[in-house]
Amino acid sequence: MDQENEPIQYAGFWIRGTALVIDSVIIYGVSQLLISLGNWGGQTIPWLMTAYMLVMTLLSGRTIGKWMLGIKVIRQDGRKLSFWNVLLRETVGRWLSAVILCIGFILAGFDGRKRALHDHIAQTYAVRNR
């Protein structure tokens, strides 16, 4: 996990939130395009966002927003993200992070390794790329 003896830089609450805003804008635009084509209803955004987060995180450890800001999701043990890590993080973990006033997300601002609840659940970290 620690390449070239450099300390890991964990990605904190604000930069992760900014990445989520970027991703949300992208998904909103795509959903509006799909709705305008007449094939999708108003429930497009939550499902599209979940699918986007799952696929992008599984394939590369990052979404477009995370990529733009130099953030990557890694496993705590340094191994490659598995399908189950990503599924747990991006579905159950995110839902639990959001369900009570977004306290699970806010936890990243107070955790020593800047992990949100969904990171604790899936045993992952969001780190700054070197």
N, C-alpha and C. Protein backbone atom coordinates (compact mmCIF):
# COMPACT_ATOMS: atom_id res chain seq x y z
N MET A 1 0.81 -1.19 0.00
CA MET A 1 0.00 0.00 0.00
C MET A 1 0.86 1.26 0.00
N ASP A 2 2.01 1.22 0.63
CA ASP A 2 2.83 2.40 0.81
C ASP A 2 3.99 2.38 -0.18
N GLN A 3 3.80 2.92 -1.36
CA GLN A 3 4.80 2.90 -2.40
C GLN A 3 5.92 3.89 -2.12
N GLU A 4 7.15 3.44 -2.36
CA GLU A 4 8.33 4.29 -2.25
C GLU A 4 8.45 4.95 -0.89
N ASN A 5 8.00 4.28 0.16
CA ASN A 5 8.10 4.76 1.53
C ASN A 5 7.45 6.12 1.77
N GLU A 6 6.56 6.54 0.90
CA GLU A 6 5.82 7.78 1.10
C GLU A 6 4.60 7.48 1.97
N PRO A 7 4.30 8.37 2.90
CA PRO A 7 3.10 8.13 3.71
C PRO A 7 1.84 8.24 2.84
N ILE A 8 0.85 7.48 3.21
CA ILE A 8 -0.42 7.52 2.49
C ILE A 8 -1.12 8.84 2.82
N GLN A 9 -1.62 9.50 1.80
CA GLN A 9 -2.42 10.70 2.01
C GLN A 9 -3.89 10.31 1.83
N TYR A 10 -4.62 10.33 2.91
CA TYR A 10 -6.04 9.98 2.85
C TYR A 10 -6.83 11.17 2.31
N ALA A 11 -7.85 10.87 1.53
CA ALA A 11 -8.72 11.91 0.97
C ALA A 11 -9.81 12.23 1.98
N GLY A 12 -9.92 13.48 2.36
CA GLY A 12 -10.84 13.90 3.39
C GLY A 12 -12.24 14.22 2.91
N PHE A 13 -13.03 14.68 3.84
CA PHE A 13 -14.45 14.95 3.63
C PHE A 13 -14.71 15.92 2.46
N TRP A 14 -14.04 17.06 2.44
CA TRP A 14 -14.35 18.10 1.46
C TRP A 14 -13.99 17.70 0.04
N ILE A 15 -12.82 17.10 -0.15
CA ILE A 15 -12.43 16.72 -1.51
C ILE A 15 -13.29 15.56 -2.01
N ARG A 16 -13.64 14.66 -1.12
CA ARG A 16 -14.52 13.56 -1.51
C ARG A 16 -15.91 14.08 -1.83
N GLY A 17 -16.38 15.05 -1.06
CA GLY A 17 -17.68 15.66 -1.34
C GLY A 17 -17.69 16.37 -2.68
N THR A 18 -16.58 17.05 -3.00
CA THR A 18 -16.46 17.73 -4.30
C THR A 18 -16.50 16.72 -5.44
N ALA A 19 -15.81 15.60 -5.26
CA ALA A 19 -15.85 14.55 -6.28
C ALA A 19 -17.27 14.03 -6.47
N LEU A 20 -18.01 13.88 -5.39
CA LEU A 20 -19.39 13.42 -5.47
C LEU A 20 -20.27 14.43 -6.20
N VAL A 21 -20.02 15.72 -5.98
CA VAL A 21 -20.78 16.75 -6.71
C VAL A 21 -20.50 16.65 -8.20
N ILE A 22 -19.23 16.49 -8.58
CA ILE A 22 -18.88 16.34 -10.00
C ILE A 22 -19.59 15.12 -10.59
N ASP A 23 -19.53 14.00 -9.90
CA ASP A 23 -20.20 12.79 -10.38
C ASP A 23 -21.71 12.98 -10.48
N SER A 24 -22.29 13.68 -9.53
CA SER A 24 -23.73 13.93 -9.55
C SER A 24 -24.14 14.78 -10.74
N VAL A 25 -23.33 15.78 -11.08
CA VAL A 25 -23.61 16.62 -12.25
C VAL A 25 -23.56 15.78 -13.52
N ILE A 26 -22.58 14.90 -13.61
CA ILE A 26 -22.46 14.02 -14.78
C ILE A 26 -23.69 13.12 -14.89
N ILE A 27 -24.06 12.48 -13.79
CA ILE A 27 -25.21 11.57 -13.80
C ILE A 27 -26.51 12.32 -14.07
N TYR A 28 -26.65 13.51 -13.51
CA TYR A 28 -27.84 14.31 -13.77
C TYR A 28 -27.95 14.61 -15.27
N GLY A 29 -26.85 15.00 -15.89
CA GLY A 29 -26.86 15.29 -17.32
C GLY A 29 -27.24 14.08 -18.15
N VAL A 30 -26.66 12.93 -17.83
CA VAL A 30 -26.97 11.71 -18.56
C VAL A 30 -28.44 11.33 -18.35
N SER A 31 -28.92 11.45 -17.12
CA SER A 31 -30.32 11.08 -16.85
C SER A 31 -31.28 12.01 -17.59
N GLN A 32 -30.96 13.29 -17.66
CA GLN A 32 -31.82 14.22 -18.39
C GLN A 32 -31.85 13.90 -19.88
N LEU A 33 -30.72 13.47 -20.40
CA LEU A 33 -30.67 13.05 -21.81
C LEU A 33 -31.55 11.83 -22.02
N LEU A 34 -31.45 10.85 -21.11
CA LEU A 34 -32.27 9.65 -21.24
C LEU A 34 -33.76 9.97 -21.09
N ILE A 35 -34.10 10.85 -20.16
CA ILE A 35 -35.50 11.24 -19.97
C ILE A 35 -36.02 11.96 -21.21
N SER A 36 -35.19 12.82 -21.80
CA SER A 36 -35.63 13.55 -22.99
C SER A 36 -35.84 12.63 -24.19
N LEU A 37 -35.17 11.50 -24.18
CA LEU A 37 -35.38 10.53 -25.25
C LEU A 37 -36.68 9.75 -25.05
N GLY A 38 -37.30 9.94 -23.88
CA GLY A 38 -38.61 9.36 -23.62
C GLY A 38 -38.61 7.93 -23.12
N ASN A 39 -37.45 7.40 -22.83
CA ASN A 39 -37.38 6.00 -22.43
C ASN A 39 -37.22 5.78 -20.93
N TRP A 40 -37.06 6.84 -20.18
CA TRP A 40 -36.77 6.71 -18.76
C TRP A 40 -37.71 7.60 -17.96
N GLY A 41 -38.06 7.15 -16.79
CA GLY A 41 -38.93 7.93 -15.92
C GLY A 41 -38.12 8.74 -14.91
N GLY A 42 -38.80 9.32 -13.96
CA GLY A 42 -38.18 10.20 -12.99
C GLY A 42 -37.29 9.50 -11.96
N GLN A 43 -37.35 8.17 -11.88
CA GLN A 43 -36.53 7.43 -10.92
C GLN A 43 -35.17 7.05 -11.50
N THR A 44 -34.78 7.68 -12.58
CA THR A 44 -33.54 7.33 -13.26
C THR A 44 -32.30 7.62 -12.43
N ILE A 45 -32.23 8.75 -11.78
CA ILE A 45 -31.00 9.22 -11.15
C ILE A 45 -30.47 8.28 -10.07
N PRO A 46 -31.25 7.84 -9.10
CA PRO A 46 -30.66 6.96 -8.06
C PRO A 46 -30.09 5.66 -8.62
N TRP A 47 -30.80 5.04 -9.55
CA TRP A 47 -30.33 3.78 -10.11
C TRP A 47 -29.12 3.99 -11.01
N LEU A 48 -29.15 5.05 -11.78
CA LEU A 48 -28.03 5.35 -12.67
C LEU A 48 -26.78 5.69 -11.85
N MET A 49 -26.95 6.46 -10.78
CA MET A 49 -25.82 6.83 -9.92
C MET A 49 -25.21 5.60 -9.27
N THR A 50 -26.05 4.71 -8.77
CA THR A 50 -25.54 3.49 -8.13
C THR A 50 -24.79 2.64 -9.14
N ALA A 51 -25.35 2.44 -10.31
CA ALA A 51 -24.68 1.65 -11.34
C ALA A 51 -23.35 2.28 -11.74
N TYR A 52 -23.35 3.59 -11.91
CA TYR A 52 -22.13 4.33 -12.27
C TYR A 52 -21.05 4.15 -11.21
N MET A 53 -21.41 4.33 -9.94
CA MET A 53 -20.44 4.20 -8.85
C MET A 53 -19.90 2.76 -8.78
N LEU A 54 -20.78 1.79 -8.92
CA LEU A 54 -20.36 0.39 -8.89
C LEU A 54 -19.37 0.06 -10.00
N VAL A 55 -19.76 0.37 -11.23
CA VAL A 55 -18.93 0.01 -12.38
C VAL A 55 -17.60 0.75 -12.38
N MET A 56 -17.64 2.05 -12.17
CA MET A 56 -16.40 2.83 -12.21
C MET A 56 -15.44 2.43 -11.09
N THR A 57 -15.96 2.25 -9.89
CA THR A 57 -15.10 1.88 -8.76
C THR A 57 -14.54 0.48 -8.95
N LEU A 58 -15.34 -0.44 -9.45
CA LEU A 58 -14.87 -1.79 -9.68
C LEU A 58 -13.78 -1.82 -10.77
N LEU A 59 -13.98 -1.08 -11.84
CA LEU A 59 -13.02 -1.11 -12.95
C LEU A 59 -11.71 -0.39 -12.65
N SER A 60 -11.81 0.76 -11.96
CA SER A 60 -10.59 1.57 -11.81
C SER A 60 -10.32 2.08 -10.41
N GLY A 61 -11.23 1.81 -9.47
CA GLY A 61 -11.05 2.32 -8.12
C GLY A 61 -11.41 3.79 -8.00
N ARG A 62 -12.00 4.34 -9.04
CA ARG A 62 -12.36 5.76 -9.00
C ARG A 62 -13.48 6.05 -10.00
N THR A 63 -14.19 7.12 -9.71
CA THR A 63 -15.19 7.64 -10.63
C THR A 63 -14.54 8.80 -11.39
N ILE A 64 -15.25 9.40 -12.30
CA ILE A 64 -14.69 10.55 -13.03
C ILE A 64 -14.37 11.68 -12.07
N GLY A 65 -15.26 11.95 -11.12
CA GLY A 65 -15.01 13.00 -10.13
C GLY A 65 -13.77 12.71 -9.30
N LYS A 66 -13.62 11.48 -8.84
CA LYS A 66 -12.42 11.12 -8.08
C LYS A 66 -11.18 11.23 -8.95
N TRP A 67 -11.26 10.79 -10.19
CA TRP A 67 -10.13 10.87 -11.11
C TRP A 67 -9.71 12.33 -11.31
N MET A 68 -10.68 13.22 -11.51
CA MET A 68 -10.36 14.63 -11.72
C MET A 68 -9.65 15.25 -10.51
N LEU A 69 -9.96 14.75 -9.32
CA LEU A 69 -9.39 15.31 -8.10
C LEU A 69 -8.25 14.47 -7.52
N GLY A 70 -7.85 13.44 -8.24
CA GLY A 70 -6.72 12.63 -7.81
C GLY A 70 -6.99 11.75 -6.61
N ILE A 71 -8.16 11.12 -6.59
CA ILE A 71 -8.55 10.25 -5.48
C ILE A 71 -8.76 8.84 -6.02
N LYS A 72 -8.39 7.86 -5.22
CA LYS A 72 -8.63 6.47 -5.59
C LYS A 72 -9.08 5.70 -4.36
N VAL A 73 -9.97 4.73 -4.55
CA VAL A 73 -10.43 3.85 -3.48
C VAL A 73 -9.55 2.61 -3.49
N ILE A 74 -9.02 2.26 -2.31
CA ILE A 74 -8.19 1.06 -2.18
C ILE A 74 -8.68 0.24 -1.00
N ARG A 75 -8.33 -1.03 -0.99
CA ARG A 75 -8.64 -1.89 0.15
C ARG A 75 -7.67 -1.62 1.28
N GLN A 76 -8.11 -1.83 2.51
CA GLN A 76 -7.25 -1.63 3.67
C GLN A 76 -6.05 -2.55 3.65
N ASP A 77 -6.20 -3.75 3.11
CA ASP A 77 -5.10 -4.71 3.10
C ASP A 77 -4.20 -4.56 1.87
N GLY A 78 -4.50 -3.59 1.01
CA GLY A 78 -3.66 -3.32 -0.16
C GLY A 78 -3.93 -4.18 -1.36
N ARG A 79 -4.80 -5.17 -1.23
CA ARG A 79 -5.13 -6.03 -2.37
C ARG A 79 -6.09 -5.31 -3.31
N LYS A 80 -6.27 -5.90 -4.49
CA LYS A 80 -7.18 -5.34 -5.49
C LYS A 80 -8.61 -5.35 -4.96
N LEU A 81 -9.36 -4.30 -5.27
CA LEU A 81 -10.77 -4.24 -4.89
C LEU A 81 -11.51 -5.43 -5.50
N SER A 82 -12.31 -6.08 -4.70
CA SER A 82 -13.11 -7.19 -5.21
C SER A 82 -14.51 -6.68 -5.53
N PHE A 83 -15.24 -7.49 -6.28
CA PHE A 83 -16.63 -7.16 -6.57
C PHE A 83 -17.41 -6.96 -5.29
N TRP A 84 -17.17 -7.82 -4.28
CA TRP A 84 -17.92 -7.76 -3.03
C TRP A 84 -17.57 -6.52 -2.23
N ASN A 85 -16.28 -6.11 -2.22
CA ASN A 85 -15.90 -4.86 -1.54
C ASN A 85 -16.68 -3.70 -2.13
N VAL A 86 -16.66 -3.63 -3.44
CA VAL A 86 -17.29 -2.50 -4.14
C VAL A 86 -18.80 -2.55 -3.98
N LEU A 87 -19.40 -3.72 -4.12
CA LEU A 87 -20.85 -3.84 -3.97
C LEU A 87 -21.28 -3.41 -2.56
N LEU A 88 -20.58 -3.88 -1.56
CA LEU A 88 -20.90 -3.52 -0.18
C LEU A 88 -20.72 -2.02 0.05
N ARG A 89 -19.63 -1.45 -0.46
CA ARG A 89 -19.32 -0.03 -0.27
C ARG A 89 -20.35 0.87 -0.95
N GLU A 90 -20.67 0.56 -2.20
CA GLU A 90 -21.48 1.46 -3.02
C GLU A 90 -22.99 1.25 -2.88
N THR A 91 -23.43 0.22 -2.20
CA THR A 91 -24.87 0.01 -2.01
C THR A 91 -25.22 0.12 -0.53
N VAL A 92 -25.05 -0.95 0.20
CA VAL A 92 -25.40 -0.97 1.62
C VAL A 92 -24.64 0.11 2.39
N GLY A 93 -23.34 0.20 2.17
CA GLY A 93 -22.52 1.17 2.88
C GLY A 93 -22.94 2.60 2.64
N ARG A 94 -23.16 2.96 1.39
CA ARG A 94 -23.59 4.34 1.08
C ARG A 94 -24.98 4.63 1.64
N TRP A 95 -25.87 3.65 1.54
CA TRP A 95 -27.22 3.86 2.08
C TRP A 95 -27.14 4.12 3.58
N LEU A 96 -26.37 3.30 4.29
CA LEU A 96 -26.23 3.50 5.73
C LEU A 96 -25.54 4.82 6.05
N SER A 97 -24.59 5.24 5.22
CA SER A 97 -23.91 6.53 5.43
C SER A 97 -24.90 7.68 5.32
N ALA A 98 -25.88 7.53 4.44
CA ALA A 98 -26.81 8.62 4.17
C ALA A 98 -28.06 8.62 5.04
N VAL A 99 -28.45 7.47 5.56
CA VAL A 99 -29.78 7.30 6.14
C VAL A 99 -30.07 8.20 7.34
N ILE A 100 -29.13 8.46 8.19
CA ILE A 100 -29.39 9.30 9.37
C ILE A 100 -28.61 10.60 9.22
N LEU A 101 -29.22 11.58 8.56
CA LEU A 101 -28.65 12.92 8.40
C LEU A 101 -27.23 12.92 7.82
N CYS A 102 -26.91 11.93 7.02
CA CYS A 102 -25.60 11.81 6.37
C CYS A 102 -24.44 11.72 7.36
N ILE A 103 -24.71 11.26 8.55
CA ILE A 103 -23.66 11.15 9.57
C ILE A 103 -22.54 10.21 9.12
N GLY A 104 -22.89 9.18 8.37
CA GLY A 104 -21.87 8.25 7.88
C GLY A 104 -20.85 8.92 6.97
N PHE A 105 -21.28 9.92 6.20
CA PHE A 105 -20.36 10.68 5.35
C PHE A 105 -19.54 11.65 6.20
N ILE A 106 -20.19 12.30 7.13
CA ILE A 106 -19.54 13.29 8.00
C ILE A 106 -18.44 12.64 8.84
N LEU A 107 -18.58 11.36 9.12
CA LEU A 107 -17.57 10.62 9.88
C LEU A 107 -16.18 10.78 9.26
N ALA A 108 -16.09 10.91 7.95
CA ALA A 108 -14.79 11.08 7.28
C ALA A 108 -14.06 12.33 7.76
N GLY A 109 -14.79 13.31 8.22
CA GLY A 109 -14.16 14.53 8.72
C GLY A 109 -13.54 14.37 10.10
N PHE A 110 -13.87 13.28 10.78
CA PHE A 110 -13.39 13.08 12.15
C PHE A 110 -12.53 11.83 12.32
N ASP A 111 -12.57 10.94 11.37
CA ASP A 111 -11.80 9.70 11.44
C ASP A 111 -10.33 9.99 11.13
N GLY A 112 -9.42 9.37 11.86
CA GLY A 112 -7.99 9.61 11.66
C GLY A 112 -7.50 9.26 10.27
N ARG A 113 -8.15 8.30 9.63
CA ARG A 113 -7.78 7.91 8.26
C ARG A 113 -8.82 8.38 7.26
N LYS A 114 -9.67 9.27 7.71
CA LYS A 114 -10.67 9.95 6.88
C LYS A 114 -11.63 8.98 6.19
N ARG A 115 -11.99 7.93 6.92
CA ARG A 115 -12.93 6.96 6.38
C ARG A 115 -14.36 7.31 6.75
N ALA A 116 -15.24 7.22 5.78
CA ALA A 116 -16.67 7.35 6.02
C ALA A 116 -17.19 5.98 6.46
N LEU A 117 -18.44 5.93 6.88
CA LEU A 117 -19.02 4.68 7.33
C LEU A 117 -18.92 3.61 6.26
N HIS A 118 -19.18 3.97 5.00
CA HIS A 118 -19.13 2.96 3.93
C HIS A 118 -17.71 2.42 3.72
N ASP A 119 -16.68 3.21 4.05
CA ASP A 119 -15.30 2.70 4.00
C ASP A 119 -15.05 1.69 5.13
N HIS A 120 -15.55 2.01 6.32
CA HIS A 120 -15.41 1.07 7.44
C HIS A 120 -16.10 -0.26 7.11
N ILE A 121 -17.30 -0.18 6.56
CA ILE A 121 -18.07 -1.39 6.24
C ILE A 121 -17.36 -2.24 5.19
N ALA A 122 -16.83 -1.61 4.15
CA ALA A 122 -16.21 -2.35 3.05
C ALA A 122 -14.70 -2.53 3.21
N GLN A 123 -14.14 -2.02 4.31
CA GLN A 123 -12.71 -2.10 4.59
C GLN A 123 -11.90 -1.47 3.47
N THR A 124 -12.25 -0.21 3.16
CA THR A 124 -11.55 0.54 2.12
C THR A 124 -11.10 1.90 2.66
N TYR A 125 -10.23 2.54 1.89
CA TYR A 125 -9.80 3.91 2.13
C TYR A 125 -9.95 4.66 0.82
N ALA A 126 -10.18 5.95 0.90
CA ALA A 126 -10.07 6.85 -0.25
C ALA A 126 -8.75 7.58 -0.06
N VAL A 127 -7.84 7.47 -1.02
CA VAL A 127 -6.52 8.05 -0.88
C VAL A 127 -6.23 9.01 -2.03
N ARG A 128 -5.32 9.94 -1.77
CA ARG A 128 -4.85 10.87 -2.80
C ARG A 128 -3.79 10.16 -3.60
N ASN A 129 -3.86 10.26 -4.92
CA ASN A 129 -2.85 9.65 -5.78
C ASN A 129 -1.56 10.43 -5.69
N ARG A 130 -0.45 9.73 -5.86
CA ARG A 130 0.85 10.40 -5.88
C ARG A 130 1.25 10.66 -7.30
